[in-house]
Amino acid sequence: MRNNTQLWTIDASHTDVEFAVRHLMISTVKGRFADVSGMIELDPERPAEARAEVTVQVASIDTRNADRDAHLRSPDFFDVDEHPVMTYRSRRVEPVGHGKLRVFGDLTIRGTTREVPLTVTPGGLVKDPWGNVRVGYSATAVINRSEFGLTWNKALETGGVLVGEEVKINLELELVRQAEQAAA
């Protein structure tokens, strides 16, 4: 790590990884992944040099429907027995104005890796009542699920398909700065 770079780790209990996808072409189904971990190396003076890694345990998927969750874990979709994790590793960060950043990185789902840009909005920095320094970020992205091998679908009698191709991703991240010696 560089001199002023600090290591921040994801506080999983205050972080959400959510997705939304069209269902039957008439509504949107939302879900989340409960088990997420990761870190960001960040120099507050040079946010464009940040580096991030996030790991999601795919089996932690929750759409509020046990049967659907089981189907999503199956080989038809995520195939968690063969591909238990999704990862995101940043490659570069560009400021886009108004404090927002565009993070370009590699998203790996089901063994397939594609570059996915995230639009990131800082949420602020605070010291919690226990003396920890925390930072928050919101991030969004849109992917085409079939580009990651998530191709299962059913045609509808009325035209269209059961599951939309476009998946909207929303991240609400809270990170805790690690002890200074960890950043040295």
C-alpha atoms as a PDB file:
ATOM      1  CA  MET A   1       0.000   0.000   0.000  1.00  0.00           C
ATOM      2  CA  ARG A   2       1.088   3.573  -0.591  1.00  0.00           C
ATOM      3  CA  ASN A   3       1.993   5.904   2.317  1.00  0.00           C
ATOM      4  CA  ASN A   4      -1.380   7.591   2.899  1.00  0.00           C
ATOM      5  CA  THR A   5      -3.443   4.625   1.833  1.00  0.00           C
ATOM      6  CA  GLN A   6      -5.749   3.235   4.480  1.00  0.00           C
ATOM      7  CA  LEU A   7      -7.295  -0.210   4.626  1.00  0.00           C
ATOM      8  CA  TRP A   8     -11.077  -0.330   5.120  1.00  0.00           C
ATOM      9  CA  THR A   9     -13.035  -3.564   5.555  1.00  0.00           C
ATOM     10  CA  ILE A  10     -16.706  -4.144   4.854  1.00  0.00           C
ATOM     11  CA  ASP A  11     -18.984  -4.221   7.892  1.00  0.00           C
ATOM     12  CA  ALA A  12     -21.298  -6.976   6.649  1.00  0.00           C
ATOM     13  CA  SER A  13     -23.977  -6.228   9.231  1.00  0.00           C
ATOM     14  CA  HIS A  14     -24.371  -2.724   7.783  1.00  0.00           C
ATOM     15  CA  THR A  15     -23.906  -3.569   4.101  1.00  0.00           C
ATOM     16  CA  ASP A  16     -26.490  -4.580   1.510  1.00  0.00           C
ATOM     17  CA  VAL A  17     -25.893  -6.208  -1.887  1.00  0.00           C
ATOM     18  CA  GLU A  18     -29.216  -6.113  -3.728  1.00  0.00           C
ATOM     19  CA  PHE A  19     -30.472  -6.854  -7.214  1.00  0.00           C
ATOM     20  CA  ALA A  20     -33.652  -6.339  -9.209  1.00  0.00           C
ATOM     21  CA  VAL A  21     -34.828  -8.151 -12.351  1.00  0.00           C
ATOM     22  CA  ARG A  22     -38.059  -8.115 -14.367  1.00  0.00           C
ATOM     23  CA  HIS A  23     -40.451 -11.028 -13.852  1.00  0.00           C
ATOM     24  CA  LEU A  24     -43.063 -12.059 -16.454  1.00  0.00           C
ATOM     25  CA  MET A  25     -42.300  -8.732 -18.135  1.00  0.00           C
ATOM     26  CA  ILE A  26     -44.831  -7.024 -15.838  1.00  0.00           C
ATOM     27  CA  SER A  27     -43.138  -6.632 -12.442  1.00  0.00           C
ATOM     28  CA  THR A  28     -39.754  -6.534 -10.740  1.00  0.00           C
ATOM     29  CA  VAL A  29     -38.426  -9.116  -8.302  1.00  0.00           C
ATOM     30  CA  LYS A  30     -35.805  -7.967  -5.827  1.00  0.00           C
ATOM     31  CA  GLY A  31     -33.330  -9.954  -3.820  1.00  0.00           C
ATOM     32  CA  ARG A  32     -30.208  -9.636  -1.772  1.00  0.00           C
ATOM     33  CA  PHE A  33     -27.110 -11.505  -0.741  1.00  0.00           C
ATOM     34  CA  ALA A  34     -26.611 -11.632   3.028  1.00  0.00           C
ATOM     35  CA  ASP A  35     -22.993 -12.854   3.176  1.00  0.00           C
ATOM     36  CA  VAL A  36     -20.575 -10.263   1.815  1.00  0.00           C
ATOM     37  CA  SER A  37     -16.978  -9.443   2.690  1.00  0.00           C
ATOM     38  CA  GLY A  38     -14.229  -7.321   1.269  1.00  0.00           C
ATOM     39  CA  MET A  39     -11.965  -4.350   1.564  1.00  0.00           C
ATOM     40  CA  ILE A  40     -10.996  -1.059   0.012  1.00  0.00           C
ATOM     41  CA  GLU A  41      -7.526   0.448   0.007  1.00  0.00           C
ATOM     42  CA  LEU A  42      -8.074   4.183  -0.113  1.00  0.00           C
ATOM     43  CA  ASP A  43      -6.034   7.366   0.200  1.00  0.00           C
ATOM     44  CA  PRO A  44      -8.640  10.003   1.119  1.00  0.00           C
ATOM     45  CA  GLU A  45      -6.644  12.602  -0.839  1.00  0.00           C
ATOM     46  CA  ARG A  46      -6.524  10.396  -3.949  1.00  0.00           C
ATOM     47  CA  PRO A  47      -9.840   8.540  -4.324  1.00  0.00           C
ATOM     48  CA  ALA A  48      -9.063   7.789  -7.986  1.00  0.00           C
ATOM     49  CA  GLU A  49      -6.255   5.473  -6.801  1.00  0.00           C
ATOM     50  CA  ALA A  50      -8.550   3.346  -4.637  1.00  0.00           C
ATOM     51  CA  ARG A  51      -8.555  -0.427  -4.950  1.00  0.00           C
ATOM     52  CA  ALA A  52     -11.522  -2.589  -3.938  1.00  0.00           C
ATOM     53  CA  GLU A  53     -12.253  -6.305  -3.606  1.00  0.00           C
ATOM     54  CA  VAL A  54     -15.657  -7.707  -2.689  1.00  0.00           C
ATOM     55  CA  THR A  55     -16.677 -11.345  -2.260  1.00  0.00           C
ATOM     56  CA  VAL A  56     -20.287 -12.517  -2.086  1.00  0.00           C
ATOM     57  CA  GLN A  57     -21.291 -15.996  -0.939  1.00  0.00           C
ATOM     58  CA  VAL A  58     -23.905 -16.864  -3.566  1.00  0.00           C
ATOM     59  CA  ALA A  59     -25.730 -19.370  -1.343  1.00  0.00           C
ATOM     60  CA  SER A  60     -26.747 -16.418   0.865  1.00  0.00           C
ATOM     61  CA  ILE A  61     -29.244 -15.279  -1.791  1.00  0.00           C
ATOM     62  CA  ASP A  62     -32.623 -14.198  -0.404  1.00  0.00           C
ATOM     63  CA  THR A  63     -35.611 -13.195  -2.540  1.00  0.00           C
ATOM     64  CA  ARG A  64     -38.145 -13.859   0.238  1.00  0.00           C
ATOM     65  CA  ASN A  65     -39.244 -17.068  -1.516  1.00  0.00           C
ATOM     66  CA  ALA A  66     -37.538 -20.348  -0.517  1.00  0.00           C
ATOM     67  CA  ASP A  67     -38.467 -22.197  -3.726  1.00  0.00           C
ATOM     68  CA  ARG A  68     -37.177 -19.393  -5.945  1.00  0.00           C
ATOM     69  CA  ASP A  69     -33.985 -19.126  -3.862  1.00  0.00           C
ATOM     70  CA  ALA A  70     -33.389 -22.873  -4.254  1.00  0.00           C
ATOM     71  CA  HIS A  71     -33.876 -22.550  -8.033  1.00  0.00           C
ATOM     72  CA  LEU A  72     -31.449 -19.614  -8.160  1.00  0.00           C
ATOM     73  CA  ARG A  73     -28.831 -21.700  -6.288  1.00  0.00           C
ATOM     74  CA  SER A  74     -29.272 -24.588  -8.762  1.00  0.00           C
ATOM     75  CA  PRO A  75     -27.295 -25.233 -11.978  1.00  0.00           C
ATOM     76  CA  ASP A  76     -30.090 -23.420 -13.891  1.00  0.00           C
ATOM     77  CA  PHE A  77     -28.749 -20.145 -12.466  1.00  0.00           C
ATOM     78  CA  PHE A  78     -25.796 -19.622 -10.097  1.00  0.00           C
ATOM     79  CA  ASP A  79     -24.817 -23.290  -9.629  1.00  0.00           C
ATOM     80  CA  VAL A  80     -23.514 -22.637  -6.092  1.00  0.00           C
ATOM     81  CA  ASP A  81     -22.027 -26.123  -5.745  1.00  0.00           C
ATOM     82  CA  GLU A  82     -19.605 -25.354  -8.599  1.00  0.00           C
ATOM     83  CA  HIS A  83     -19.419 -21.551  -8.184  1.00  0.00           C
ATOM     84  CA  PRO A  84     -19.963 -20.659  -4.513  1.00  0.00           C
ATOM     85  CA  VAL A  85     -18.728 -17.054  -4.728  1.00  0.00           C
ATOM     86  CA  MET A  86     -19.078 -13.945  -6.842  1.00  0.00           C
ATOM     87  CA  THR A  87     -16.224 -11.454  -6.792  1.00  0.00           C
ATOM     88  CA  TYR A  88     -15.628  -7.865  -7.835  1.00  0.00           C
ATOM     89  CA  ARG A  89     -12.097  -6.468  -8.156  1.00  0.00           C
ATOM     90  CA  SER A  90     -11.599  -2.873  -9.172  1.00  0.00           C
ATOM     91  CA  ARG A  91      -9.113  -1.954 -11.884  1.00  0.00           C
ATOM     92  CA  ARG A  92      -9.417   1.819 -12.111  1.00  0.00           C
ATOM     93  CA  VAL A  93     -11.397   4.684 -10.640  1.00  0.00           C
ATOM     94  CA  GLU A  94     -12.413   7.894 -12.393  1.00  0.00           C
ATOM     95  CA  PRO A  95     -13.997  10.962 -10.800  1.00  0.00           C
ATOM     96  CA  VAL A  96     -17.232  11.909 -12.603  1.00  0.00           C
ATOM     97  CA  GLY A  97     -18.109  15.133 -10.780  1.00  0.00           C
ATOM     98  CA  HIS A  98     -20.151  16.128  -7.762  1.00  0.00           C
ATOM     99  CA  GLY A  99     -18.057  13.787  -5.613  1.00  0.00           C
ATOM    100  CA  LYS A 100     -19.164  10.710  -7.565  1.00  0.00           C
ATOM    101  CA  LEU A 101     -16.781   8.097  -8.892  1.00  0.00           C
ATOM    102  CA  ARG A 102     -16.906   5.578 -11.692  1.00  0.00           C
ATOM    103  CA  VAL A 103     -15.214   2.347 -10.632  1.00  0.00           C
ATOM    104  CA  PHE A 104     -14.269  -0.064 -13.400  1.00  0.00           C
ATOM    105  CA  GLY A 105     -13.615  -3.603 -12.286  1.00  0.00           C
ATOM    106  CA  ASP A 106     -13.940  -7.282 -12.995  1.00  0.00           C
ATOM    107  CA  LEU A 107     -17.136  -8.985 -11.864  1.00  0.00           C
ATOM    108  CA  THR A 108     -16.955 -12.779 -11.791  1.00  0.00           C
ATOM    109  CA  ILE A 109     -20.188 -14.745 -11.654  1.00  0.00           C
ATOM    110  CA  ARG A 110     -20.442 -18.457 -12.336  1.00  0.00           C
ATOM    111  CA  GLY A 111     -16.829 -18.595 -13.533  1.00  0.00           C
ATOM    112  CA  THR A 112     -17.299 -15.829 -16.112  1.00  0.00           C
ATOM    113  CA  THR A 113     -15.524 -12.502 -15.693  1.00  0.00           C
ATOM    114  CA  ARG A 114     -16.621  -9.257 -17.359  1.00  0.00           C
ATOM    115  CA  GLU A 115     -15.701  -5.637 -16.770  1.00  0.00           C
ATOM    116  CA  VAL A 116     -18.549  -3.867 -14.990  1.00  0.00           C
ATOM    117  CA  PRO A 117     -18.538  -0.157 -14.184  1.00  0.00           C
ATOM    118  CA  LEU A 118     -20.048   0.961 -10.882  1.00  0.00           C
ATOM    119  CA  THR A 119     -21.340   4.472 -10.268  1.00  0.00           C
ATOM    120  CA  VAL A 120     -20.275   5.240  -6.703  1.00  0.00           C
ATOM    121  CA  THR A 121     -21.563   7.983  -4.412  1.00  0.00           C
ATOM    122  CA  PRO A 122     -19.750   8.641  -1.125  1.00  0.00           C
ATOM    123  CA  GLY A 123     -22.067   8.666   1.878  1.00  0.00           C
ATOM    124  CA  GLY A 124     -19.745  10.278   4.370  1.00  0.00           C
ATOM    125  CA  LEU A 125     -17.203   9.537   7.053  1.00  0.00           C
ATOM    126  CA  VAL A 126     -17.880   9.374  10.814  1.00  0.00           C
ATOM    127  CA  LYS A 127     -16.371   8.182  14.058  1.00  0.00           C
ATOM    128  CA  ASP A 128     -18.719   5.745  15.786  1.00  0.00           C
ATOM    129  CA  PRO A 129     -19.354   5.729  19.577  1.00  0.00           C
ATOM    130  CA  TRP A 130     -16.702   2.977  19.998  1.00  0.00           C
ATOM    131  CA  GLY A 131     -13.930   4.985  18.345  1.00  0.00           C
ATOM    132  CA  ASN A 132     -14.006   3.300  14.935  1.00  0.00           C
ATOM    133  CA  VAL A 133     -13.820   5.424  11.815  1.00  0.00           C
ATOM    134  CA  ARG A 134     -16.455   4.423   9.268  1.00  0.00           C
ATOM    135  CA  VAL A 135     -17.178   5.420   5.691  1.00  0.00           C
ATOM    136  CA  GLY A 136     -20.233   4.759   3.561  1.00  0.00           C
ATOM    137  CA  TYR A 137     -20.722   4.368  -0.182  1.00  0.00           C
ATOM    138  CA  SER A 138     -23.671   3.680  -2.453  1.00  0.00           C
ATOM    139  CA  ALA A 139     -22.966   2.032  -5.800  1.00  0.00           C
ATOM    140  CA  THR A 140     -25.099   1.001  -8.752  1.00  0.00           C
ATOM    141  CA  ALA A 141     -24.576  -1.007 -11.910  1.00  0.00           C
ATOM    142  CA  VAL A 142     -26.581  -2.739 -14.604  1.00  0.00           C
ATOM    143  CA  ILE A 143     -25.541  -6.058 -16.130  1.00  0.00           C
ATOM    144  CA  ASN A 144     -26.928  -8.484 -18.678  1.00  0.00           C
ATOM    145  CA  ARG A 145     -27.239 -11.785 -16.813  1.00  0.00           C
ATOM    146  CA  SER A 146     -26.745 -13.933 -19.916  1.00  0.00           C
ATOM    147  CA  GLU A 147     -23.226 -12.495 -20.318  1.00  0.00           C
ATOM    148  CA  PHE A 148     -22.383 -14.352 -17.091  1.00  0.00           C
ATOM    149  CA  GLY A 149     -23.882 -17.699 -18.115  1.00  0.00           C
ATOM    150  CA  LEU A 150     -27.200 -17.053 -16.339  1.00  0.00           C
ATOM    151  CA  THR A 151     -29.268 -17.999 -19.369  1.00  0.00           C
ATOM    152  CA  TRP A 152     -32.155 -20.069 -17.983  1.00  0.00           C
ATOM    153  CA  ASN A 153     -35.538 -18.744 -19.107  1.00  0.00           C
ATOM    154  CA  LYS A 154     -39.023 -19.726 -20.273  1.00  0.00           C
ATOM    155  CA  ALA A 155     -40.961 -18.236 -23.165  1.00  0.00           C
ATOM    156  CA  LEU A 156     -44.408 -16.852 -22.316  1.00  0.00           C
ATOM    157  CA  GLU A 157     -47.563 -17.645 -24.303  1.00  0.00           C
ATOM    158  CA  THR A 158     -48.223 -13.934 -24.621  1.00  0.00           C
ATOM    159  CA  GLY A 159     -44.718 -13.218 -25.890  1.00  0.00           C
ATOM    160  CA  GLY A 160     -41.636 -12.303 -23.973  1.00  0.00           C
ATOM    161  CA  VAL A 161     -39.878 -14.306 -21.293  1.00  0.00           C
ATOM    162  CA  LEU A 162     -40.252 -15.253 -17.645  1.00  0.00           C
ATOM    163  CA  VAL A 163     -37.031 -13.572 -16.437  1.00  0.00           C
ATOM    164  CA  GLY A 164     -35.596 -10.328 -17.802  1.00  0.00           C
ATOM    165  CA  GLU A 165     -32.025 -10.139 -19.068  1.00  0.00           C
ATOM    166  CA  GLU A 166     -31.154  -6.811 -17.408  1.00  0.00           C
ATOM    167  CA  VAL A 167     -30.222  -6.970 -13.735  1.00  0.00           C
ATOM    168  CA  LYS A 168     -29.937  -3.793 -11.680  1.00  0.00           C
ATOM    169  CA  ILE A 169     -27.418  -3.995  -8.857  1.00  0.00           C
ATOM    170  CA  ASN A 170     -27.448  -1.759  -5.792  1.00  0.00           C
ATOM    171  CA  LEU A 171     -24.764  -1.749  -3.105  1.00  0.00           C
ATOM    172  CA  GLU A 172     -24.971   0.048   0.220  1.00  0.00           C
ATOM    173  CA  LEU A 173     -21.548  -0.321   1.787  1.00  0.00           C
ATOM    174  CA  GLU A 174     -20.329   0.581   5.253  1.00  0.00           C
ATOM    175  CA  LEU A 175     -16.631   0.110   5.852  1.00  0.00           C
ATOM    176  CA  VAL A 176     -14.490   0.338   8.972  1.00  0.00           C
ATOM    177  CA  ARG A 177     -10.967   1.757   8.861  1.00  0.00           C
ATOM    178  CA  GLN A 178      -8.462  -0.767  10.119  1.00  0.00           C
ATOM    179  CA  ALA A 179      -5.765   0.018  12.674  1.00  0.00           C
ATOM    180  CA  GLU A 180      -2.984   2.249  11.420  1.00  0.00           C
ATOM    181  CA  GLN A 181      -0.373  -0.516  11.649  1.00  0.00           C
ATOM    182  CA  ALA A 182      -2.467  -2.605   9.201  1.00  0.00           C
ATOM    183  CA  ALA A 183      -2.140   0.172   6.607  1.00  0.00           C
ATOM    184  CA  ALA A 184       1.637   0.491   6.975  1.00  0.00           C
END
